[in-house]
């Protein structure tokens, strides 16, 4: 059965469920609500409760940072495919107001942006791209602004094959 699991195609739904059940997210109150079928967007929630709040009973900043950590790089990685190295390299968060209740972050990487990153990374060039999102509360008010930097590079085997075939 383990070989069958190894061959299962990663779908947006499977990844959303898996990320929600992943221990660091599960115990941090982080739930992945969805990945778009075309990998262009994702929605993540943070449920602020006794385990995820800070000393003054508002959202713990580390949990807000964690809820935004891997999603831009995952969206880019799934759109570009296996011929690219994609990493989350840096993050910044600006806290705007105390977070309470359920907080939400929406991530979007339009197909045109993924195509642009693919073109910029052609030939093995290192590409660093910043993405931004807001974390909002149930009333739609901005609790925090987040920036994440994503690294993209065409894999060496692809670059070498392109140079050899040229």
C-alpha atoms as a PDB file:
ATOM      1  CA  UNK A   1       0.000   0.000   0.000  1.00  0.00           C
ATOM      2  CA  UNK A   2       2.867   2.413   0.685  1.00  0.00           C
ATOM      3  CA  UNK A   3       3.924   2.225  -2.968  1.00  0.00           C
ATOM      4  CA  UNK A   4       0.392   3.143  -4.000  1.00  0.00           C
ATOM      5  CA  UNK A   5       0.458   6.162  -1.650  1.00  0.00           C
ATOM      6  CA  UNK A   6       3.779   7.209  -3.144  1.00  0.00           C
ATOM      7  CA  UNK A   7       2.205   7.299  -6.616  1.00  0.00           C
ATOM      8  CA  UNK A   8      -0.956   9.184  -5.653  1.00  0.00           C
ATOM      9  CA  UNK A   9      -1.266  12.486  -7.467  1.00  0.00           C
ATOM     10  CA  UNK A  10      -1.305  15.489  -5.159  1.00  0.00           C
ATOM     11  CA  UNK A  11      -4.577  17.277  -5.705  1.00  0.00           C
ATOM     12  CA  UNK A  12      -5.541  20.662  -4.256  1.00  0.00           C
ATOM     13  CA  UNK A  13      -8.122  18.966  -2.022  1.00  0.00           C
ATOM     14  CA  UNK A  14      -5.644  16.376  -0.707  1.00  0.00           C
ATOM     15  CA  UNK A  15      -3.093  19.079   0.030  1.00  0.00           C
ATOM     16  CA  UNK A  16      -5.666  21.233   1.872  1.00  0.00           C
ATOM     17  CA  UNK A  17      -6.728  18.308   4.060  1.00  0.00           C
ATOM     18  CA  UNK A  18      -3.146  17.183   4.625  1.00  0.00           C
ATOM     19  CA  UNK A  19      -1.968  20.667   5.563  1.00  0.00           C
ATOM     20  CA  UNK A  20      -4.893  21.070   7.985  1.00  0.00           C
ATOM     21  CA  UNK A  21      -4.021  17.751   9.653  1.00  0.00           C
ATOM     22  CA  UNK A  22      -0.265  18.416   9.674  1.00  0.00           C
ATOM     23  CA  UNK A  23       0.646  18.545  13.366  1.00  0.00           C
ATOM     24  CA  UNK A  24       2.145  22.092  13.409  1.00  0.00           C
ATOM     25  CA  UNK A  25      -1.024  23.465  11.774  1.00  0.00           C
ATOM     26  CA  UNK A  26      -3.488  21.243  13.610  1.00  0.00           C
ATOM     27  CA  UNK A  27      -2.252  22.266  17.048  1.00  0.00           C
ATOM     28  CA  UNK A  28      -1.854  25.903  16.023  1.00  0.00           C
ATOM     29  CA  UNK A  29      -5.498  26.298  15.030  1.00  0.00           C
ATOM     30  CA  UNK A  30      -4.578  26.690  11.350  1.00  0.00           C
ATOM     31  CA  UNK A  31      -7.010  25.266   8.796  1.00  0.00           C
ATOM     32  CA  UNK A  32      -6.512  25.284   5.054  1.00  0.00           C
ATOM     33  CA  UNK A  33      -9.959  25.928   3.641  1.00  0.00           C
ATOM     34  CA  UNK A  34      -9.036  25.411   0.012  1.00  0.00           C
ATOM     35  CA  UNK A  35      -6.515  25.438  -2.784  1.00  0.00           C
ATOM     36  CA  UNK A  36      -7.958  26.412  -6.162  1.00  0.00           C
ATOM     37  CA  UNK A  37      -8.143  23.552  -8.658  1.00  0.00           C
ATOM     38  CA  UNK A  38      -5.629  25.381 -10.885  1.00  0.00           C
ATOM     39  CA  UNK A  39      -3.260  26.172  -7.963  1.00  0.00           C
ATOM     40  CA  UNK A  40      -3.711  29.948  -8.382  1.00  0.00           C
ATOM     41  CA  UNK A  41      -5.100  30.649  -4.911  1.00  0.00           C
ATOM     42  CA  UNK A  42      -5.511  29.351  -1.373  1.00  0.00           C
ATOM     43  CA  UNK A  43      -7.496  30.356   1.693  1.00  0.00           C
ATOM     44  CA  UNK A  44      -6.243  29.689   5.218  1.00  0.00           C
ATOM     45  CA  UNK A  45      -7.869  30.352   8.593  1.00  0.00           C
ATOM     46  CA  UNK A  46      -6.471  30.726  12.089  1.00  0.00           C
ATOM     47  CA  UNK A  47      -8.885  29.958  14.914  1.00  0.00           C
ATOM     48  CA  UNK A  48      -7.860  32.055  17.919  1.00  0.00           C
ATOM     49  CA  UNK A  49      -8.558  30.060  21.075  1.00  0.00           C
ATOM     50  CA  UNK A  50      -6.979  29.242  24.426  1.00  0.00           C
ATOM     51  CA  UNK A  51      -4.144  27.384  22.660  1.00  0.00           C
ATOM     52  CA  UNK A  52      -3.432  29.971  19.948  1.00  0.00           C
ATOM     53  CA  UNK A  53      -3.690  33.245  21.819  1.00  0.00           C
ATOM     54  CA  UNK A  54      -1.068  35.239  23.638  1.00  0.00           C
ATOM     55  CA  UNK A  55      -0.869  36.639  27.167  1.00  0.00           C
ATOM     56  CA  UNK A  56      -3.426  39.388  26.414  1.00  0.00           C
ATOM     57  CA  UNK A  57      -5.850  36.909  24.794  1.00  0.00           C
ATOM     58  CA  UNK A  58      -5.358  37.963  21.172  1.00  0.00           C
ATOM     59  CA  UNK A  59      -3.831  35.994  18.294  1.00  0.00           C
ATOM     60  CA  UNK A  60      -0.248  34.906  18.934  1.00  0.00           C
ATOM     61  CA  UNK A  61       1.960  36.595  16.325  1.00  0.00           C
ATOM     62  CA  UNK A  62       3.868  33.386  15.665  1.00  0.00           C
ATOM     63  CA  UNK A  63       0.624  31.653  14.714  1.00  0.00           C
ATOM     64  CA  UNK A  64      -0.253  34.476  12.309  1.00  0.00           C
ATOM     65  CA  UNK A  65       3.172  34.151  10.719  1.00  0.00           C
ATOM     66  CA  UNK A  66       2.848  30.354  10.542  1.00  0.00           C
ATOM     67  CA  UNK A  67      -0.549  30.594   8.836  1.00  0.00           C
ATOM     68  CA  UNK A  68       1.114  32.440   5.941  1.00  0.00           C
ATOM     69  CA  UNK A  69       4.390  30.516   5.751  1.00  0.00           C
ATOM     70  CA  UNK A  70       4.257  27.969   2.928  1.00  0.00           C
ATOM     71  CA  UNK A  71       1.331  28.953   0.741  1.00  0.00           C
ATOM     72  CA  UNK A  72       2.887  31.289  -1.820  1.00  0.00           C
ATOM     73  CA  UNK A  73       5.753  28.904  -2.488  1.00  0.00           C
ATOM     74  CA  UNK A  74       3.312  25.976  -2.774  1.00  0.00           C
ATOM     75  CA  UNK A  75       1.138  27.839  -5.284  1.00  0.00           C
ATOM     76  CA  UNK A  76       4.190  28.771  -7.361  1.00  0.00           C
ATOM     77  CA  UNK A  77       5.707  25.284  -7.104  1.00  0.00           C
ATOM     78  CA  UNK A  78       2.543  23.517  -8.253  1.00  0.00           C
ATOM     79  CA  UNK A  79       2.077  25.902 -11.179  1.00  0.00           C
ATOM     80  CA  UNK A  80       5.698  25.676 -12.361  1.00  0.00           C
ATOM     81  CA  UNK A  81       6.080  21.916 -11.942  1.00  0.00           C
ATOM     82  CA  UNK A  82       9.021  19.636 -11.227  1.00  0.00           C
ATOM     83  CA  UNK A  83      11.559  21.457 -13.399  1.00  0.00           C
ATOM     84  CA  UNK A  84      11.927  24.304 -10.874  1.00  0.00           C
ATOM     85  CA  UNK A  85      13.329  24.733  -7.389  1.00  0.00           C
ATOM     86  CA  UNK A  86      10.932  26.867  -5.347  1.00  0.00           C
ATOM     87  CA  UNK A  87      11.548  27.975  -1.751  1.00  0.00           C
ATOM     88  CA  UNK A  88      10.059  30.364   0.763  1.00  0.00           C
ATOM     89  CA  UNK A  89      13.090  32.466   1.732  1.00  0.00           C
ATOM     90  CA  UNK A  90      11.901  35.321   3.873  1.00  0.00           C
ATOM     91  CA  UNK A  91       8.858  36.747   5.572  1.00  0.00           C
ATOM     92  CA  UNK A  92       7.765  40.012   7.118  1.00  0.00           C
ATOM     93  CA  UNK A  93       4.666  40.740   9.148  1.00  0.00           C
ATOM     94  CA  UNK A  94       3.261  44.080  10.255  1.00  0.00           C
ATOM     95  CA  UNK A  95       0.713  43.760  13.052  1.00  0.00           C
ATOM     96  CA  UNK A  96      -2.076  46.323  12.600  1.00  0.00           C
ATOM     97  CA  UNK A  97      -4.580  45.483  15.345  1.00  0.00           C
ATOM     98  CA  UNK A  98      -5.293  42.681  17.840  1.00  0.00           C
ATOM     99  CA  UNK A  99      -6.647  39.538  16.212  1.00  0.00           C
ATOM    100  CA  UNK A 100      -9.613  37.748  17.742  1.00  0.00           C
ATOM    101  CA  UNK A 101     -11.957  34.989  16.602  1.00  0.00           C
ATOM    102  CA  UNK A 102     -11.303  33.470  13.195  1.00  0.00           C
ATOM    103  CA  UNK A 103      -8.623  35.171  11.092  1.00  0.00           C
ATOM    104  CA  UNK A 104      -8.360  34.607   7.345  1.00  0.00           C
ATOM    105  CA  UNK A 105      -5.615  34.983   4.753  1.00  0.00           C
ATOM    106  CA  UNK A 106      -6.145  34.673   0.995  1.00  0.00           C
ATOM    107  CA  UNK A 107      -3.170  33.918  -1.237  1.00  0.00           C
ATOM    108  CA  UNK A 108      -3.187  34.461  -4.998  1.00  0.00           C
ATOM    109  CA  UNK A 109      -0.594  33.738  -7.665  1.00  0.00           C
ATOM    110  CA  UNK A 110      -2.271  34.375 -11.025  1.00  0.00           C
ATOM    111  CA  UNK A 111      -1.236  32.157 -13.932  1.00  0.00           C
ATOM    112  CA  UNK A 112       0.364  35.204 -15.614  1.00  0.00           C
ATOM    113  CA  UNK A 113       2.631  35.747 -12.565  1.00  0.00           C
ATOM    114  CA  UNK A 114       3.703  32.078 -12.605  1.00  0.00           C
ATOM    115  CA  UNK A 115       4.444  32.351 -16.333  1.00  0.00           C
ATOM    116  CA  UNK A 116       6.511  35.481 -15.689  1.00  0.00           C
ATOM    117  CA  UNK A 117       8.514  33.699 -12.958  1.00  0.00           C
ATOM    118  CA  UNK A 118       9.090  30.739 -15.284  1.00  0.00           C
ATOM    119  CA  UNK A 119      10.424  33.061 -17.997  1.00  0.00           C
ATOM    120  CA  UNK A 120      12.654  34.998 -15.578  1.00  0.00           C
ATOM    121  CA  UNK A 121      14.098  31.718 -14.211  1.00  0.00           C
ATOM    122  CA  UNK A 122      14.824  30.295 -17.665  1.00  0.00           C
ATOM    123  CA  UNK A 123      18.433  29.153 -18.040  1.00  0.00           C
ATOM    124  CA  UNK A 124      18.992  28.770 -14.294  1.00  0.00           C
ATOM    125  CA  UNK A 125      18.628  32.404 -13.252  1.00  0.00           C
ATOM    126  CA  UNK A 126      17.858  32.964  -9.576  1.00  0.00           C
ATOM    127  CA  UNK A 127      14.562  34.817  -9.120  1.00  0.00           C
ATOM    128  CA  UNK A 128      13.387  36.394  -5.871  1.00  0.00           C
ATOM    129  CA  UNK A 129       9.793  37.623  -5.817  1.00  0.00           C
ATOM    130  CA  UNK A 130       7.786  39.222  -2.999  1.00  0.00           C
ATOM    131  CA  UNK A 131       4.102  38.411  -2.499  1.00  0.00           C
ATOM    132  CA  UNK A 132       1.752  40.243  -0.145  1.00  0.00           C
ATOM    133  CA  UNK A 133      -1.480  39.426   1.647  1.00  0.00           C
ATOM    134  CA  UNK A 134      -3.584  40.707   4.510  1.00  0.00           C
ATOM    135  CA  UNK A 135      -4.806  38.717   7.478  1.00  0.00           C
ATOM    136  CA  UNK A 136      -8.351  39.829   8.230  1.00  0.00           C
ATOM    137  CA  UNK A 137     -10.829  39.234  11.032  1.00  0.00           C
ATOM    138  CA  UNK A 138     -14.467  38.189  10.673  1.00  0.00           C
ATOM    139  CA  UNK A 139     -15.473  41.834  10.083  1.00  0.00           C
ATOM    140  CA  UNK A 140     -12.981  42.083   7.194  1.00  0.00           C
ATOM    141  CA  UNK A 141     -10.668  44.428   9.101  1.00  0.00           C
ATOM    142  CA  UNK A 142      -6.942  44.042   8.511  1.00  0.00           C
ATOM    143  CA  UNK A 143      -5.220  42.505  11.528  1.00  0.00           C
ATOM    144  CA  UNK A 144      -1.800  42.105   9.889  1.00  0.00           C
ATOM    145  CA  UNK A 145      -0.035  42.698   6.572  1.00  0.00           C
ATOM    146  CA  UNK A 146       2.282  39.937   5.462  1.00  0.00           C
ATOM    147  CA  UNK A 147       5.026  39.798   2.838  1.00  0.00           C
ATOM    148  CA  UNK A 148       6.673  36.532   1.803  1.00  0.00           C
ATOM    149  CA  UNK A 149       9.666  36.212  -0.512  1.00  0.00           C
ATOM    150  CA  UNK A 150       9.799  33.229  -2.854  1.00  0.00           C
ATOM    151  CA  UNK A 151      12.931  31.909  -4.580  1.00  0.00           C
ATOM    152  CA  UNK A 152      12.578  30.312  -8.026  1.00  0.00           C
ATOM    153  CA  UNK A 153      15.246  28.712 -10.214  1.00  0.00           C
ATOM    154  CA  UNK A 154      15.109  26.267 -13.092  1.00  0.00           C
ATOM    155  CA  UNK A 155      16.703  22.990 -11.984  1.00  0.00           C
ATOM    156  CA  UNK A 156      20.267  22.395 -13.156  1.00  0.00           C
ATOM    157  CA  UNK A 157      19.320  19.227 -15.056  1.00  0.00           C
ATOM    158  CA  UNK A 158      16.786  21.218 -17.089  1.00  0.00           C
ATOM    159  CA  UNK A 159      19.196  24.062 -17.743  1.00  0.00           C
ATOM    160  CA  UNK A 160      21.938  21.600 -18.781  1.00  0.00           C
ATOM    161  CA  UNK A 161      19.559  19.724 -21.092  1.00  0.00           C
ATOM    162  CA  UNK A 162      18.460  23.000 -22.712  1.00  0.00           C
ATOM    163  CA  UNK A 163      22.061  24.104 -23.234  1.00  0.00           C
ATOM    164  CA  UNK A 164      23.042  20.689 -24.635  1.00  0.00           C
ATOM    165  CA  UNK A 165      20.105  20.597 -27.014  1.00  0.00           C
ATOM    166  CA  UNK A 166      20.649  24.120 -28.285  1.00  0.00           C
END
